Amino acid sequence: MKVGRNNFSTARGFTLMELVLVMLIMAIVAAIAAPNLRNFIAGRRVGDTATQIVSLAEYARSQAISEGRVYLLNIGTNSVYVTYLDANNTEQTPPGDAGEPVRLPGVAGDLTIGSDLPRGDNGDQVAHFYPTGRTEMGTITITDKDNQQVNVVCLSISENYHVQMQGGR
């Protein structure tokens, strides 16, 4: 019987050198992937903003039809919000959360918004939604600081606003 000596040749595990090598490879892969991940997140921000604008447009259209009054989708430089015209043709904020301005996600200056819609009395660009279900045709463009763009479009007075995919679909 052997006494006092361990048999290390049968021990299982990783050496310190192997662990350091794996950590080095993981750090290199993370450094390569980080810029692509940042661009992915920025691209999602533009898409999420476009989806918010479509949701507000759908809300304005459905409210215009159900209440029998003109609703407006107001597009400012850093916010999008809904108002309606009362019996005196005065712009009013609807009750509830939809009347609160929806700020564009991201730090100020990260996203810009523009459109070919006419300007309203307050200087914001405005899309009108009528009680008949018709709306104003137009294109709303959201651009991030890397010039990635997404368009929200309405191509006819009887259609809803929707996000336009690349290639015009």
C-alpha atoms as a PDB file:
ATOM      1  CA  MET A   1       0.000   0.000   0.000  1.00  0.00           C
ATOM      2  CA  LYS A   2       1.296   3.439  -0.972  1.00  0.00           C
ATOM      3  CA  VAL A   3       1.317   5.998   1.790  1.00  0.00           C
ATOM      4  CA  GLY A   4       1.685   9.827   1.649  1.00  0.00           C
ATOM      5  CA  ARG A   5       1.673  10.319  -2.092  1.00  0.00           C
ATOM      6  CA  ASN A   6      -1.326  11.472  -4.203  1.00  0.00           C
ATOM      7  CA  ASN A   7      -1.698  10.319  -7.727  1.00  0.00           C
ATOM      8  CA  PHE A   8      -2.235  13.638  -9.654  1.00  0.00           C
ATOM      9  CA  SER A   9      -2.163  11.997 -13.064  1.00  0.00           C
ATOM     10  CA  THR A  10      -5.761  10.791 -12.581  1.00  0.00           C
ATOM     11  CA  ALA A  11      -7.101  14.140 -11.298  1.00  0.00           C
ATOM     12  CA  ARG A  12      -9.612  15.797 -13.639  1.00  0.00           C
ATOM     13  CA  GLY A  13     -10.069  19.552 -14.238  1.00  0.00           C
ATOM     14  CA  PHE A  14      -8.720  22.526 -16.144  1.00  0.00           C
ATOM     15  CA  THR A  15      -5.365  24.153 -15.737  1.00  0.00           C
ATOM     16  CA  LEU A  16      -5.091  27.852 -15.012  1.00  0.00           C
ATOM     17  CA  MET A  17      -3.677  28.402 -18.484  1.00  0.00           C
ATOM     18  CA  GLU A  18      -6.709  26.766 -20.126  1.00  0.00           C
ATOM     19  CA  LEU A  19      -9.109  28.942 -18.104  1.00  0.00           C
ATOM     20  CA  VAL A  20      -7.216  32.139 -19.000  1.00  0.00           C
ATOM     21  CA  LEU A  21      -7.239  31.159 -22.677  1.00  0.00           C
ATOM     22  CA  VAL A  22     -11.030  30.594 -22.649  1.00  0.00           C
ATOM     23  CA  MET A  23     -11.588  33.966 -20.920  1.00  0.00           C
ATOM     24  CA  LEU A  24      -9.400  35.679 -23.527  1.00  0.00           C
ATOM     25  CA  ILE A  25     -11.380  34.145 -26.398  1.00  0.00           C
ATOM     26  CA  MET A  26     -14.677  35.187 -24.758  1.00  0.00           C
ATOM     27  CA  ALA A  27     -13.416  38.779 -24.348  1.00  0.00           C
ATOM     28  CA  ILE A  28     -12.403  38.963 -28.017  1.00  0.00           C
ATOM     29  CA  VAL A  29     -15.797  37.643 -29.183  1.00  0.00           C
ATOM     30  CA  ALA A  30     -17.613  40.148 -26.925  1.00  0.00           C
ATOM     31  CA  ALA A  31     -15.522  43.028 -28.288  1.00  0.00           C
ATOM     32  CA  ILE A  32     -16.380  42.036 -31.850  1.00  0.00           C
ATOM     33  CA  ALA A  33     -20.122  41.610 -31.130  1.00  0.00           C
ATOM     34  CA  ALA A  34     -20.682  44.798 -29.067  1.00  0.00           C
ATOM     35  CA  PRO A  35     -20.897  47.305 -31.979  1.00  0.00           C
ATOM     36  CA  ASN A  36     -23.355  45.075 -33.840  1.00  0.00           C
ATOM     37  CA  LEU A  37     -25.505  44.758 -30.740  1.00  0.00           C
ATOM     38  CA  ARG A  38     -25.518  48.544 -30.298  1.00  0.00           C
ATOM     39  CA  ASN A  39     -26.704  48.996 -33.925  1.00  0.00           C
ATOM     40  CA  PHE A  40     -29.399  46.370 -33.381  1.00  0.00           C
ATOM     41  CA  ILE A  41     -30.720  48.183 -30.309  1.00  0.00           C
ATOM     42  CA  ALA A  42     -30.684  51.545 -32.121  1.00  0.00           C
ATOM     43  CA  GLY A  43     -32.578  50.002 -35.031  1.00  0.00           C
ATOM     44  CA  ARG A  44     -35.182  48.617 -32.649  1.00  0.00           C
ATOM     45  CA  ARG A  45     -35.673  52.079 -31.166  1.00  0.00           C
ATOM     46  CA  VAL A  46     -36.591  53.484 -34.593  1.00  0.00           C
ATOM     47  CA  GLY A  47     -38.967  50.578 -35.244  1.00  0.00           C
ATOM     48  CA  ASP A  48     -40.581  50.877 -31.813  1.00  0.00           C
ATOM     49  CA  THR A  49     -41.205  54.591 -32.399  1.00  0.00           C
ATOM     50  CA  ALA A  50     -42.841  53.827 -35.750  1.00  0.00           C
ATOM     51  CA  THR A  51     -45.089  51.266 -34.055  1.00  0.00           C
ATOM     52  CA  GLN A  52     -46.089  53.837 -31.412  1.00  0.00           C
ATOM     53  CA  ILE A  53     -47.018  56.321 -34.129  1.00  0.00           C
ATOM     54  CA  VAL A  54     -49.144  53.708 -35.931  1.00  0.00           C
ATOM     55  CA  SER A  55     -50.919  52.904 -32.644  1.00  0.00           C
ATOM     56  CA  LEU A  56     -51.692  56.576 -32.021  1.00  0.00           C
ATOM     57  CA  ALA A  57     -52.958  56.944 -35.607  1.00  0.00           C
ATOM     58  CA  GLU A  58     -55.259  53.936 -35.141  1.00  0.00           C
ATOM     59  CA  TYR A  59     -56.515  55.425 -31.874  1.00  0.00           C
ATOM     60  CA  ALA A  60     -57.195  58.808 -33.529  1.00  0.00           C
ATOM     61  CA  ARG A  61     -59.054  57.171 -36.424  1.00  0.00           C
ATOM     62  CA  SER A  62     -61.225  54.960 -34.205  1.00  0.00           C
ATOM     63  CA  GLN A  63     -62.061  57.877 -31.877  1.00  0.00           C
ATOM     64  CA  ALA A  64     -62.959  60.111 -34.824  1.00  0.00           C
ATOM     65  CA  ILE A  65     -65.387  57.488 -36.131  1.00  0.00           C
ATOM     66  CA  SER A  66     -66.919  56.605 -32.759  1.00  0.00           C
ATOM     67  CA  GLU A  67     -67.286  60.198 -31.501  1.00  0.00           C
ATOM     68  CA  GLY A  68     -68.175  61.803 -34.825  1.00  0.00           C
ATOM     69  CA  ARG A  69     -65.534  64.531 -34.642  1.00  0.00           C
ATOM     70  CA  VAL A  70     -62.197  65.326 -36.277  1.00  0.00           C
ATOM     71  CA  TYR A  71     -59.135  63.958 -34.486  1.00  0.00           C
ATOM     72  CA  LEU A  72     -55.578  65.136 -35.138  1.00  0.00           C
ATOM     73  CA  LEU A  73     -52.272  63.310 -34.915  1.00  0.00           C
ATOM     74  CA  ASN A  74     -49.766  66.052 -34.022  1.00  0.00           C
ATOM     75  CA  ILE A  75     -46.136  65.431 -34.909  1.00  0.00           C
ATOM     76  CA  GLY A  76     -43.604  67.666 -33.191  1.00  0.00           C
ATOM     77  CA  THR A  77     -39.838  67.502 -33.275  1.00  0.00           C
ATOM     78  CA  ASN A  78     -39.624  65.201 -30.250  1.00  0.00           C
ATOM     79  CA  SER A  79     -43.191  64.136 -29.505  1.00  0.00           C
ATOM     80  CA  VAL A  80     -46.307  62.718 -31.096  1.00  0.00           C
ATOM     81  CA  TYR A  81     -49.723  63.297 -29.519  1.00  0.00           C
ATOM     82  CA  VAL A  82     -53.438  63.216 -30.266  1.00  0.00           C
ATOM     83  CA  THR A  83     -55.961  66.083 -30.058  1.00  0.00           C
ATOM     84  CA  TYR A  84     -59.492  66.651 -31.391  1.00  0.00           C
ATOM     85  CA  LEU A  85     -61.551  69.574 -32.656  1.00  0.00           C
ATOM     86  CA  ASP A  86     -64.538  70.537 -30.492  1.00  0.00           C
ATOM     87  CA  ALA A  87     -67.826  72.089 -31.712  1.00  0.00           C
ATOM     88  CA  ASN A  88     -66.111  75.511 -31.912  1.00  0.00           C
ATOM     89  CA  ASN A  89     -63.291  74.044 -34.044  1.00  0.00           C
ATOM     90  CA  THR A  90     -60.878  74.510 -31.116  1.00  0.00           C
ATOM     91  CA  GLU A  91     -58.172  71.919 -30.560  1.00  0.00           C
ATOM     92  CA  GLN A  92     -58.675  69.946 -27.323  1.00  0.00           C
ATOM     93  CA  THR A  93     -56.756  67.201 -25.545  1.00  0.00           C
ATOM     94  CA  PRO A  94     -58.806  64.007 -25.132  1.00  0.00           C
ATOM     95  CA  PRO A  95     -59.153  62.596 -21.618  1.00  0.00           C
ATOM     96  CA  GLY A  96     -56.931  59.644 -20.775  1.00  0.00           C
ATOM     97  CA  ASP A  97     -53.383  58.655 -21.536  1.00  0.00           C
ATOM     98  CA  ALA A  98     -53.614  59.160 -25.304  1.00  0.00           C
ATOM     99  CA  GLY A  99     -53.713  62.934 -24.866  1.00  0.00           C
ATOM    100  CA  GLU A 100     -50.400  63.005 -23.054  1.00  0.00           C
ATOM    101  CA  PRO A 101     -47.496  63.576 -25.427  1.00  0.00           C
ATOM    102  CA  VAL A 102     -45.633  60.394 -26.243  1.00  0.00           C
ATOM    103  CA  ARG A 103     -41.944  61.242 -26.204  1.00  0.00           C
ATOM    104  CA  LEU A 104     -39.766  59.551 -28.731  1.00  0.00           C
ATOM    105  CA  PRO A 105     -37.651  56.870 -27.047  1.00  0.00           C
ATOM    106  CA  GLY A 106     -33.990  57.520 -26.518  1.00  0.00           C
ATOM    107  CA  VAL A 107     -31.941  60.486 -25.463  1.00  0.00           C
ATOM    108  CA  ALA A 108     -32.925  63.833 -26.982  1.00  0.00           C
ATOM    109  CA  GLY A 109     -31.211  64.153 -30.338  1.00  0.00           C
ATOM    110  CA  ASP A 110     -30.986  60.386 -30.940  1.00  0.00           C
ATOM    111  CA  LEU A 111     -34.130  60.347 -33.087  1.00  0.00           C
ATOM    112  CA  THR A 112     -35.630  62.940 -35.378  1.00  0.00           C
ATOM    113  CA  ILE A 113     -39.042  62.914 -36.948  1.00  0.00           C
ATOM    114  CA  GLY A 114     -40.269  64.613 -40.059  1.00  0.00           C
ATOM    115  CA  SER A 115     -43.203  64.375 -42.389  1.00  0.00           C
ATOM    116  CA  ASP A 116     -44.805  65.755 -45.512  1.00  0.00           C
ATOM    117  CA  LEU A 117     -48.031  66.542 -43.621  1.00  0.00           C
ATOM    118  CA  PRO A 118     -49.273  70.142 -43.411  1.00  0.00           C
ATOM    119  CA  ARG A 119     -48.488  72.288 -40.384  1.00  0.00           C
ATOM    120  CA  GLY A 120     -51.213  73.064 -37.873  1.00  0.00           C
ATOM    121  CA  ASP A 121     -51.840  76.269 -35.921  1.00  0.00           C
ATOM    122  CA  ASN A 122     -49.352  75.186 -33.230  1.00  0.00           C
ATOM    123  CA  GLY A 123     -46.524  74.644 -35.757  1.00  0.00           C
ATOM    124  CA  ASP A 124     -46.578  70.852 -35.497  1.00  0.00           C
ATOM    125  CA  GLN A 125     -47.280  68.732 -38.543  1.00  0.00           C
ATOM    126  CA  VAL A 126     -50.802  67.325 -38.395  1.00  0.00           C
ATOM    127  CA  ALA A 127     -52.713  64.366 -39.861  1.00  0.00           C
ATOM    128  CA  HIS A 128     -56.509  64.759 -39.765  1.00  0.00           C
ATOM    129  CA  PHE A 129     -58.820  61.814 -39.056  1.00  0.00           C
ATOM    130  CA  TYR A 130     -62.444  62.403 -40.065  1.00  0.00           C
ATOM    131  CA  PRO A 131     -65.679  60.856 -38.714  1.00  0.00           C
ATOM    132  CA  THR A 132     -66.197  59.175 -42.104  1.00  0.00           C
ATOM    133  CA  GLY A 133     -63.069  57.054 -41.495  1.00  0.00           C
ATOM    134  CA  ARG A 134     -61.017  58.969 -44.028  1.00  0.00           C
ATOM    135  CA  THR A 135     -57.650  60.432 -43.214  1.00  0.00           C
ATOM    136  CA  GLU A 136     -54.944  62.628 -44.624  1.00  0.00           C
ATOM    137  CA  MET A 137     -52.400  60.891 -46.829  1.00  0.00           C
ATOM    138  CA  GLY A 138     -48.808  61.354 -45.808  1.00  0.00           C
ATOM    139  CA  THR A 139     -45.432  59.964 -44.864  1.00  0.00           C
ATOM    140  CA  ILE A 140     -43.824  60.254 -41.427  1.00  0.00           C
ATOM    141  CA  THR A 141     -40.098  59.512 -41.329  1.00  0.00           C
ATOM    142  CA  ILE A 142     -38.207  58.549 -38.161  1.00  0.00           C
ATOM    143  CA  THR A 143     -34.409  58.796 -38.403  1.00  0.00           C
ATOM    144  CA  ASP A 144     -31.771  57.897 -35.827  1.00  0.00           C
ATOM    145  CA  LYS A 145     -28.317  59.432 -35.419  1.00  0.00           C
ATOM    146  CA  ASP A 146     -26.828  56.752 -37.731  1.00  0.00           C
ATOM    147  CA  ASN A 147     -29.333  57.724 -40.482  1.00  0.00           C
ATOM    148  CA  GLN A 148     -31.365  54.530 -40.176  1.00  0.00           C
ATOM    149  CA  GLN A 149     -34.888  55.408 -41.305  1.00  0.00           C
ATOM    150  CA  VAL A 150     -38.344  53.933 -40.965  1.00  0.00           C
ATOM    151  CA  ASN A 151     -41.412  55.386 -42.676  1.00  0.00           C
ATOM    152  CA  VAL A 152     -44.988  55.382 -41.423  1.00  0.00           C
ATOM    153  CA  VAL A 153     -47.216  55.937 -44.447  1.00  0.00           C
ATOM    154  CA  CYS A 154     -50.818  56.378 -45.504  1.00  0.00           C
ATOM    155  CA  LEU A 155     -51.055  56.033 -49.279  1.00  0.00           C
ATOM    156  CA  SER A 156     -54.775  56.754 -49.714  1.00  0.00           C
ATOM    157  CA  ILE A 157     -57.467  58.631 -47.804  1.00  0.00           C
ATOM    158  CA  SER A 158     -59.310  55.407 -46.972  1.00  0.00           C
ATOM    159  CA  GLU A 159     -56.360  53.376 -45.679  1.00  0.00           C
ATOM    160  CA  ASN A 160     -54.706  53.219 -42.262  1.00  0.00           C
ATOM    161  CA  TYR A 161     -51.203  54.404 -41.457  1.00  0.00           C
ATOM    162  CA  HIS A 162     -48.719  51.544 -41.406  1.00  0.00           C
ATOM    163  CA  VAL A 163     -44.985  50.956 -41.141  1.00  0.00           C
ATOM    164  CA  GLN A 164     -43.432  50.797 -44.581  1.00  0.00           C
ATOM    165  CA  MET A 165     -40.808  48.102 -44.852  1.00  0.00           C
ATOM    166  CA  GLN A 166     -37.699  48.444 -47.007  1.00  0.00           C
ATOM    167  CA  GLY A 167     -38.565  48.000 -50.633  1.00  0.00           C
ATOM    168  CA  GLY A 168     -41.825  49.952 -50.264  1.00  0.00           C
ATOM    169  CA  ARG A 169     -44.046  47.181 -48.822  1.00  0.00           C
END
